[in-house]
């Protein structure tokens, strides 16, 4: 289960190890879609959000310094 404390602990340890070597997460939710950092996999009707605003992240993206290692897979408001 993703809510298991063991899984959460491992995720925190992995994030800490990444941070030590300079790998950071790409922030997505609430941001405007940027094709350099985000891969939009779905567009949804969302009247309370501005067009091209990211409403959900399906897969986290990562950067190493200024280099994108993996784009974030996101769902965007229409």
PDB file of N, CA and C in Angstrom:
ATOM      1  N   UNK A   1       0.840  -1.186   0.000  1.00  0.00           N
ATOM      2  CA  UNK A   1       0.000   0.000   0.000  1.00  0.00           C
ATOM      3  C   UNK A   1       0.882   1.246   0.000  1.00  0.00           C
ATOM      4  N   UNK A   2       0.560   2.256  -0.824  1.00  0.00           N
ATOM      5  CA  UNK A   2       1.357   3.485  -0.849  1.00  0.00           C
ATOM      6  C   UNK A   2       1.340   4.252   0.468  1.00  0.00           C
ATOM      7  N   UNK A   3       0.361   3.974   1.338  1.00  0.00           N
ATOM      8  CA  UNK A   3       0.280   4.661   2.628  1.00  0.00           C
ATOM      9  C   UNK A   3       1.076   3.946   3.716  1.00  0.00           C
ATOM     10  N   UNK A   4       1.726   2.851   3.379  1.00  0.00           N
ATOM     11  CA  UNK A   4       2.515   2.078   4.332  1.00  0.00           C
ATOM     12  C   UNK A   4       3.704   2.919   4.819  1.00  0.00           C
ATOM     13  N   UNK A   5       3.976   2.896   6.115  1.00  0.00           N
ATOM     14  CA  UNK A   5       5.062   3.701   6.676  1.00  0.00           C
ATOM     15  C   UNK A   5       6.417   3.281   6.122  1.00  0.00           C
ATOM     16  N   UNK A   6       6.603   2.001   5.837  1.00  0.00           N
ATOM     17  CA  UNK A   6       7.866   1.535   5.267  1.00  0.00           C
ATOM     18  C   UNK A   6       8.112   2.138   3.897  1.00  0.00           C
ATOM     19  N   UNK A   7       7.070   2.201   3.069  1.00  0.00           N
ATOM     20  CA  UNK A   7       7.182   2.793   1.738  1.00  0.00           C
ATOM     21  C   UNK A   7       7.477   4.289   1.856  1.00  0.00           C
ATOM     22  N   UNK A   8       6.773   4.963   2.752  1.00  0.00           N
ATOM     23  CA  UNK A   8       6.995   6.397   2.949  1.00  0.00           C
ATOM     24  C   UNK A   8       8.425   6.669   3.417  1.00  0.00           C
ATOM     25  N   UNK A   9       8.930   5.828   4.306  1.00  0.00           N
ATOM     26  CA  UNK A   9      10.291   5.981   4.806  1.00  0.00           C
ATOM     27  C   UNK A   9      11.313   5.795   3.692  1.00  0.00           C
ATOM     28  N   UNK A  10      11.105   4.810   2.854  1.00  0.00           N
ATOM     29  CA  UNK A  10      12.012   4.575   1.728  1.00  0.00           C
ATOM     30  C   UNK A  10      11.975   5.753   0.749  1.00  0.00           C
ATOM     31  N   UNK A  11      10.790   6.303   0.501  1.00  0.00           N
ATOM     32  CA  UNK A  11      10.656   7.445  -0.403  1.00  0.00           C
ATOM     33  C   UNK A  11      11.401   8.658   0.146  1.00  0.00           C
ATOM     34  N   UNK A  12      11.293   8.901   1.456  1.00  0.00           N
ATOM     35  CA  UNK A  12      12.017  10.022   2.073  1.00  0.00           C
ATOM     36  C   UNK A  12      13.526   9.811   1.968  1.00  0.00           C
ATOM     37  N   UNK A  13      13.989   8.587   2.188  1.00  0.00           N
ATOM     38  CA  UNK A  13      15.420   8.285   2.099  1.00  0.00           C
ATOM     39  C   UNK A  13      15.925   8.483   0.674  1.00  0.00           C
ATOM     40  N   UNK A  14      15.128   8.080  -0.312  1.00  0.00           N
ATOM     41  CA  UNK A  14      15.509   8.246  -1.712  1.00  0.00           C
ATOM     42  C   UNK A  14      15.581   9.724  -2.077  1.00  0.00           C
ATOM     43  N   UNK A  15      14.599  10.512  -1.647  1.00  0.00           N
ATOM     44  CA  UNK A  15      14.615  11.951  -1.912  1.00  0.00           C
ATOM     45  C   UNK A  15      15.831  12.609  -1.270  1.00  0.00           C
ATOM     46  N   UNK A  16      16.177  12.177  -0.071  1.00  0.00           N
ATOM     47  CA  UNK A  16      17.347  12.726   0.616  1.00  0.00           C
ATOM     48  C   UNK A  16      18.630  12.378  -0.135  1.00  0.00           C
ATOM     49  N   UNK A  17      18.736  11.144  -0.609  1.00  0.00           N
ATOM     50  CA  UNK A  17      19.914  10.732  -1.377  1.00  0.00           C
ATOM     51  C   UNK A  17      20.009  11.517  -2.680  1.00  0.00           C
ATOM     52  N   UNK A  18      18.878  11.707  -3.353  1.00  0.00           N
ATOM     53  CA  UNK A  18      18.857  12.499  -4.584  1.00  0.00           C
ATOM     54  C   UNK A  18      19.335  13.925  -4.312  1.00  0.00           C
ATOM     55  N   UNK A  19      18.842  14.527  -3.232  1.00  0.00           N
ATOM     56  CA  UNK A  19      19.200  15.907  -2.899  1.00  0.00           C
ATOM     57  C   UNK A  19      20.704  16.031  -2.638  1.00  0.00           C
ATOM     58  N   UNK A  20      21.293  15.034  -2.037  1.00  0.00           N
ATOM     59  CA  UNK A  20      22.725  15.069  -1.736  1.00  0.00           C
ATOM     60  C   UNK A  20      23.579  15.089  -2.999  1.00  0.00           C
ATOM     61  N   UNK A  21      23.094  14.490  -4.078  1.00  0.00           N
ATOM     62  CA  UNK A  21      23.878  14.474  -5.317  1.00  0.00           C
ATOM     63  C   UNK A  21      23.383  15.510  -6.329  1.00  0.00           C
ATOM     64  N   UNK A  22      22.369  16.307  -5.943  1.00  0.00           N
ATOM     65  CA  UNK A  22      21.922  17.406  -6.782  1.00  0.00           C
ATOM     66  C   UNK A  22      20.743  17.119  -7.684  1.00  0.00           C
ATOM     67  N   UNK A  23      20.038  16.020  -7.458  1.00  0.00           N
ATOM     68  CA  UNK A  23      18.843  15.720  -8.242  1.00  0.00           C
ATOM     69  C   UNK A  23      17.631  16.282  -7.507  1.00  0.00           C
ATOM     70  N   UNK A  24      16.837  17.093  -8.209  1.00  0.00           N
ATOM     71  CA  UNK A  24      15.672  17.723  -7.593  1.00  0.00           C
ATOM     72  C   UNK A  24      14.404  17.389  -8.366  1.00  0.00           C
ATOM     73  N   UNK A  25      13.268  17.462  -7.664  1.00  0.00           N
ATOM     74  CA  UNK A  25      11.964  17.240  -8.293  1.00  0.00           C
ATOM     75  C   UNK A  25      11.561  18.472  -9.081  1.00  0.00           C
ATOM     76  N   UNK A  26      10.827  18.240 -10.168  1.00  0.00           N
ATOM     77  CA  UNK A  26      10.240  19.335 -10.925  1.00  0.00           C
ATOM     78  C   UNK A  26       8.872  19.613 -10.315  1.00  0.00           C
ATOM     79  N   UNK A  27       8.667  20.831  -9.831  1.00  0.00           N
ATOM     80  CA  UNK A  27       7.377  21.201  -9.259  1.00  0.00           C
ATOM     81  C   UNK A  27       6.361  21.347 -10.381  1.00  0.00           C
ATOM     82  N   UNK A  28       5.159  20.806 -10.175  1.00  0.00           N
ATOM     83  CA  UNK A  28       4.191  20.789 -11.260  1.00  0.00           C
ATOM     84  C   UNK A  28       2.821  21.331 -10.885  1.00  0.00           C
ATOM     85  N   UNK A  29       2.200  20.792  -9.863  1.00  0.00           N
ATOM     86  CA  UNK A  29       0.810  21.120  -9.552  1.00  0.00           C
ATOM     87  C   UNK A  29       0.654  22.616  -9.278  1.00  0.00           C
ATOM     88  N   UNK A  30      -0.287  23.223 -10.008  1.00  0.00           N
ATOM     89  CA  UNK A  30      -0.548  24.651  -9.880  1.00  0.00           C
ATOM     90  C   UNK A  30       0.307  25.506 -10.799  1.00  0.00           C
ATOM     91  N   UNK A  31       1.300  24.919 -11.427  1.00  0.00           N
ATOM     92  CA  UNK A  31       2.180  25.645 -12.342  1.00  0.00           C
ATOM     93  C   UNK A  31       1.569  25.681 -13.738  1.00  0.00           C
ATOM     94  N   UNK A  32       2.071  26.574 -14.579  1.00  0.00           N
ATOM     95  CA  UNK A  32       1.672  26.632 -15.982  1.00  0.00           C
ATOM     96  C   UNK A  32       2.482  25.593 -16.748  1.00  0.00           C
ATOM     97  N   UNK A  33       1.832  24.920 -17.679  1.00  0.00           N
ATOM     98  CA  UNK A  33       2.484  23.891 -18.480  1.00  0.00           C
ATOM     99  C   UNK A  33       3.693  24.470 -19.209  1.00  0.00           C
ATOM    100  N   UNK A  34       4.837  23.814 -19.051  1.00  0.00           N
ATOM    101  CA  UNK A  34       6.061  24.175 -19.748  1.00  0.00           C
ATOM    102  C   UNK A  34       6.583  22.907 -20.407  1.00  0.00           C
ATOM    103  N   UNK A  35       6.530  22.803 -21.728  1.00  0.00           N
ATOM    104  CA  UNK A  35       6.933  21.574 -22.421  1.00  0.00           C
ATOM    105  C   UNK A  35       8.372  21.140 -22.159  1.00  0.00           C
ATOM    106  N   UNK A  36       9.207  22.047 -21.672  1.00  0.00           N
ATOM    107  CA  UNK A  36      10.588  21.661 -21.347  1.00  0.00           C
ATOM    108  C   UNK A  36      10.641  20.810 -20.083  1.00  0.00           C
ATOM    109  N   UNK A  37       9.640  20.967 -19.207  1.00  0.00           N
ATOM    110  CA  UNK A  37       9.635  20.265 -17.927  1.00  0.00           C
ATOM    111  C   UNK A  37       8.461  19.317 -17.746  1.00  0.00           C
ATOM    112  N   UNK A  38       7.400  19.509 -18.526  1.00  0.00           N
ATOM    113  CA  UNK A  38       6.163  18.752 -18.335  1.00  0.00           C
ATOM    114  C   UNK A  38       5.721  18.071 -19.625  1.00  0.00           C
ATOM    115  N   UNK A  39       5.182  16.885 -19.488  1.00  0.00           N
ATOM    116  CA  UNK A  39       4.593  16.145 -20.601  1.00  0.00           C
ATOM    117  C   UNK A  39       3.104  15.995 -20.299  1.00  0.00           C
ATOM    118  N   UNK A  40       2.255  16.754 -20.998  1.00  0.00           N
ATOM    119  CA  UNK A  40       0.807  16.697 -20.770  1.00  0.00           C
ATOM    120  C   UNK A  40       0.257  15.423 -21.391  1.00  0.00           C
ATOM    121  N   UNK A  41      -0.320  14.563 -20.573  1.00  0.00           N
ATOM    122  CA  UNK A  41      -0.872  13.307 -21.079  1.00  0.00           C
ATOM    123  C   UNK A  41      -2.386  13.338 -21.155  1.00  0.00           C
ATOM    124  N   UNK A  42      -2.985  14.369 -20.562  1.00  0.00           N
ATOM    125  CA  UNK A  42      -4.441  14.484 -20.586  1.00  0.00           C
ATOM    126  C   UNK A  42      -4.833  15.936 -20.342  1.00  0.00           C
ATOM    127  N   UNK A  43      -5.935  16.340 -20.968  1.00  0.00           N
ATOM    128  CA  UNK A  43      -6.504  17.671 -20.753  1.00  0.00           C
ATOM    129  C   UNK A  43      -7.908  17.474 -20.201  1.00  0.00           C
ATOM    130  N   UNK A  44      -8.235  18.167 -19.106  1.00  0.00           N
ATOM    131  CA  UNK A  44      -9.538  18.018 -18.476  1.00  0.00           C
ATOM    132  C   UNK A  44     -10.232  19.376 -18.380  1.00  0.00           C
ATOM    133  N   UNK A  45     -11.539  19.338 -18.386  1.00  0.00           N
ATOM    134  CA  UNK A  45     -12.360  20.532 -18.195  1.00  0.00           C
ATOM    135  C   UNK A  45     -12.286  20.899 -16.718  1.00  0.00           C
ATOM    136  N   UNK A  46     -11.854  22.107 -16.429  1.00  0.00           N
ATOM    137  CA  UNK A  46     -11.709  22.556 -15.043  1.00  0.00           C
ATOM    138  C   UNK A  46     -12.024  24.053 -14.991  1.00  0.00           C
ATOM    139  N   UNK A  47     -13.312  24.416 -14.789  1.00  0.00           N
ATOM    140  CA  UNK A  47     -13.729  25.815 -14.870  1.00  0.00           C
ATOM    141  C   UNK A  47     -13.079  26.733 -13.838  1.00  0.00           C
ATOM    142  N   UNK A  48     -12.628  26.200 -12.707  1.00  0.00           N
ATOM    143  CA  UNK A  48     -12.044  27.052 -11.678  1.00  0.00           C
ATOM    144  C   UNK A  48     -10.537  27.259 -11.857  1.00  0.00           C
ATOM    145  N   UNK A  49      -9.947  26.653 -12.888  1.00  0.00           N
ATOM    146  CA  UNK A  49      -8.514  26.802 -13.164  1.00  0.00           C
ATOM    147  C   UNK A  49      -8.299  27.486 -14.499  1.00  0.00           C
ATOM    148  N   UNK A  50      -7.216  28.216 -14.598  1.00  0.00           N
ATOM    149  CA  UNK A  50      -6.854  28.878 -15.842  1.00  0.00           C
ATOM    150  C   UNK A  50      -6.342  27.830 -16.840  1.00  0.00           C
ATOM    151  N   UNK A  51      -6.548  28.078 -18.117  1.00  0.00           N
ATOM    152  CA  UNK A  51      -6.102  27.170 -19.173  1.00  0.00           C
ATOM    153  C   UNK A  51      -4.595  26.948 -19.069  1.00  0.00           C
ATOM    154  N   UNK A  52      -4.174  25.714 -19.317  1.00  0.00           N
ATOM    155  CA  UNK A  52      -2.765  25.276 -19.270  1.00  0.00           C
ATOM    156  C   UNK A  52      -2.180  25.215 -17.866  1.00  0.00           C
ATOM    157  N   UNK A  53      -3.040  25.221 -16.840  1.00  0.00           N
ATOM    158  CA  UNK A  53      -2.574  25.051 -15.471  1.00  0.00           C
ATOM    159  C   UNK A  53      -2.566  23.560 -15.149  1.00  0.00           C
ATOM    160  N   UNK A  54      -1.503  23.098 -14.528  1.00  0.00           N
ATOM    161  CA  UNK A  54      -1.386  21.682 -14.175  1.00  0.00           C
ATOM    162  C   UNK A  54      -2.244  21.404 -12.948  1.00  0.00           C
ATOM    163  N   UNK A  55      -3.152  20.425 -13.076  1.00  0.00           N
ATOM    164  CA  UNK A  55      -4.067  20.104 -11.980  1.00  0.00           C
ATOM    165  C   UNK A  55      -3.703  18.796 -11.286  1.00  0.00           C
ATOM    166  N   UNK A  56      -2.934  17.943 -11.948  1.00  0.00           N
ATOM    167  CA  UNK A  56      -2.554  16.672 -11.331  1.00  0.00           C
ATOM    168  C   UNK A  56      -1.243  16.182 -11.938  1.00  0.00           C
ATOM    169  N   UNK A  57      -0.443  15.547 -11.107  1.00  0.00           N
ATOM    170  CA  UNK A  57       0.830  14.981 -11.564  1.00  0.00           C
ATOM    171  C   UNK A  57       0.727  13.463 -11.498  1.00  0.00           C
ATOM    172  N   UNK A  58       0.956  12.814 -12.635  1.00  0.00           N
ATOM    173  CA  UNK A  58       0.867  11.360 -12.699  1.00  0.00           C
ATOM    174  C   UNK A  58       2.231  10.696 -12.450  1.00  0.00           C
ATOM    175  N   UNK A  59       3.307  11.376 -12.854  1.00  0.00           N
ATOM    176  CA  UNK A  59       4.655  10.863 -12.633  1.00  0.00           C
ATOM    177  C   UNK A  59       5.570  12.062 -12.391  1.00  0.00           C
ATOM    178  N   UNK A  60       6.361  11.978 -11.344  1.00  0.00           N
ATOM    179  CA  UNK A  60       7.253  13.062 -10.976  1.00  0.00           C
ATOM    180  C   UNK A  60       8.385  13.201 -11.984  1.00  0.00           C
ATOM    181  N   UNK A  61       8.751  14.433 -12.273  1.00  0.00           N
ATOM    182  CA  UNK A  61       9.901  14.703 -13.121  1.00  0.00           C
ATOM    183  C   UNK A  61      11.091  15.094 -12.265  1.00  0.00           C
ATOM    184  N   UNK A  62      12.297  14.907 -12.811  1.00  0.00           N
ATOM    185  CA  UNK A  62      13.515  15.196 -12.055  1.00  0.00           C
ATOM    186  C   UNK A  62      14.509  15.969 -12.904  1.00  0.00           C
ATOM    187  N   UNK A  63      15.306  16.793 -12.213  1.00  0.00           N
ATOM    188  CA  UNK A  63      16.371  17.560 -12.853  1.00  0.00           C
ATOM    189  C   UNK A  63      17.681  17.328 -12.117  1.00  0.00           C
ATOM    190  N   UNK A  64      18.757  17.413 -12.876  1.00  0.00           N
ATOM    191  CA  UNK A  64      20.102  17.378 -12.306  1.00  0.00           C
ATOM    192  C   UNK A  64      20.754  18.690 -12.707  1.00  0.00           C
ATOM    193  N   UNK A  65      20.773  19.633 -11.782  1.00  0.00           N
ATOM    194  CA  UNK A  65      21.231  20.983 -12.108  1.00  0.00           C
ATOM    195  C   UNK A  65      20.253  21.623 -13.084  1.00  0.00           C
ATOM    196  N   UNK A  66      20.734  21.990 -14.263  1.00  0.00           N
ATOM    197  CA  UNK A  66      19.886  22.588 -15.285  1.00  0.00           C
ATOM    198  C   UNK A  66      19.416  21.575 -16.324  1.00  0.00           C
ATOM    199  N   UNK A  67      19.775  20.314 -16.154  1.00  0.00           N
ATOM    200  CA  UNK A  67      19.442  19.270 -17.119  1.00  0.00           C
ATOM    201  C   UNK A  67      18.218  18.486 -16.671  1.00  0.00           C
ATOM    202  N   UNK A  68      17.240  18.338 -17.563  1.00  0.00           N
ATOM    203  CA  UNK A  68      16.046  17.551 -17.259  1.00  0.00           C
ATOM    204  C   UNK A  68      16.384  16.071 -17.440  1.00  0.00           C
ATOM    205  N   UNK A  69      16.240  15.301 -16.362  1.00  0.00           N
ATOM    206  CA  UNK A  69      16.462  13.856 -16.444  1.00  0.00           C
ATOM    207  C   UNK A  69      15.214  13.152 -16.948  1.00  0.00           C
ATOM    208  N   UNK A  70      14.067  13.592 -16.441  1.00  0.00           N
ATOM    209  CA  UNK A  70      12.775  13.028 -16.851  1.00  0.00           C
ATOM    210  C   UNK A  70      11.715  14.102 -16.681  1.00  0.00           C
ATOM    211  N   UNK A  71      10.923  14.315 -17.735  1.00  0.00           N
ATOM    212  CA  UNK A  71       9.844  15.286 -17.627  1.00  0.00           C
ATOM    213  C   UNK A  71       8.743  14.727 -16.735  1.00  0.00           C
ATOM    214  N   UNK A  72       7.983  15.611 -16.128  1.00  0.00           N
ATOM    215  CA  UNK A  72       6.852  15.205 -15.299  1.00  0.00           C
ATOM    216  C   UNK A  72       5.652  14.921 -16.212  1.00  0.00           C
ATOM    217  N   UNK A  73       4.946  13.827 -15.966  1.00  0.00           N
ATOM    218  CA  UNK A  73       3.722  13.510 -16.709  1.00  0.00           C
ATOM    219  C   UNK A  73       2.561  14.116 -15.942  1.00  0.00           C
ATOM    220  N   UNK A  74       1.823  15.013 -16.619  1.00  0.00           N
ATOM    221  CA  UNK A  74       0.816  15.810 -15.917  1.00  0.00           C
ATOM    222  C   UNK A  74      -0.517  15.839 -16.649  1.00  0.00           C
ATOM    223  N   UNK A  75      -1.546  16.228 -15.887  1.00  0.00           N
ATOM    224  CA  UNK A  75      -2.870  16.482 -16.428  1.00  0.00           C
ATOM    225  C   UNK A  75      -3.101  17.990 -16.339  1.00  0.00           C
ATOM    226  N   UNK A  76      -3.580  18.562 -17.439  1.00  0.00           N
ATOM    227  CA  UNK A  76      -3.682  20.019 -17.584  1.00  0.00           C
ATOM    228  C   UNK A  76      -5.128  20.453 -17.717  1.00  0.00           C
ATOM    229  N   UNK A  77      -5.457  21.616 -17.165  1.00  0.00           N
ATOM    230  CA  UNK A  77      -6.798  22.204 -17.307  1.00  0.00           C
ATOM    231  C   UNK A  77      -6.972  22.748 -18.708  1.00  0.00           C
ATOM    232  N   UNK A  78      -8.195  22.590 -19.220  1.00  0.00           N
ATOM    233  CA  UNK A  78      -8.538  23.069 -20.559  1.00  0.00           C
ATOM    234  C   UNK A  78      -8.952  24.518 -20.518  1.00  0.00           C
TER     235      UNK A  78
END
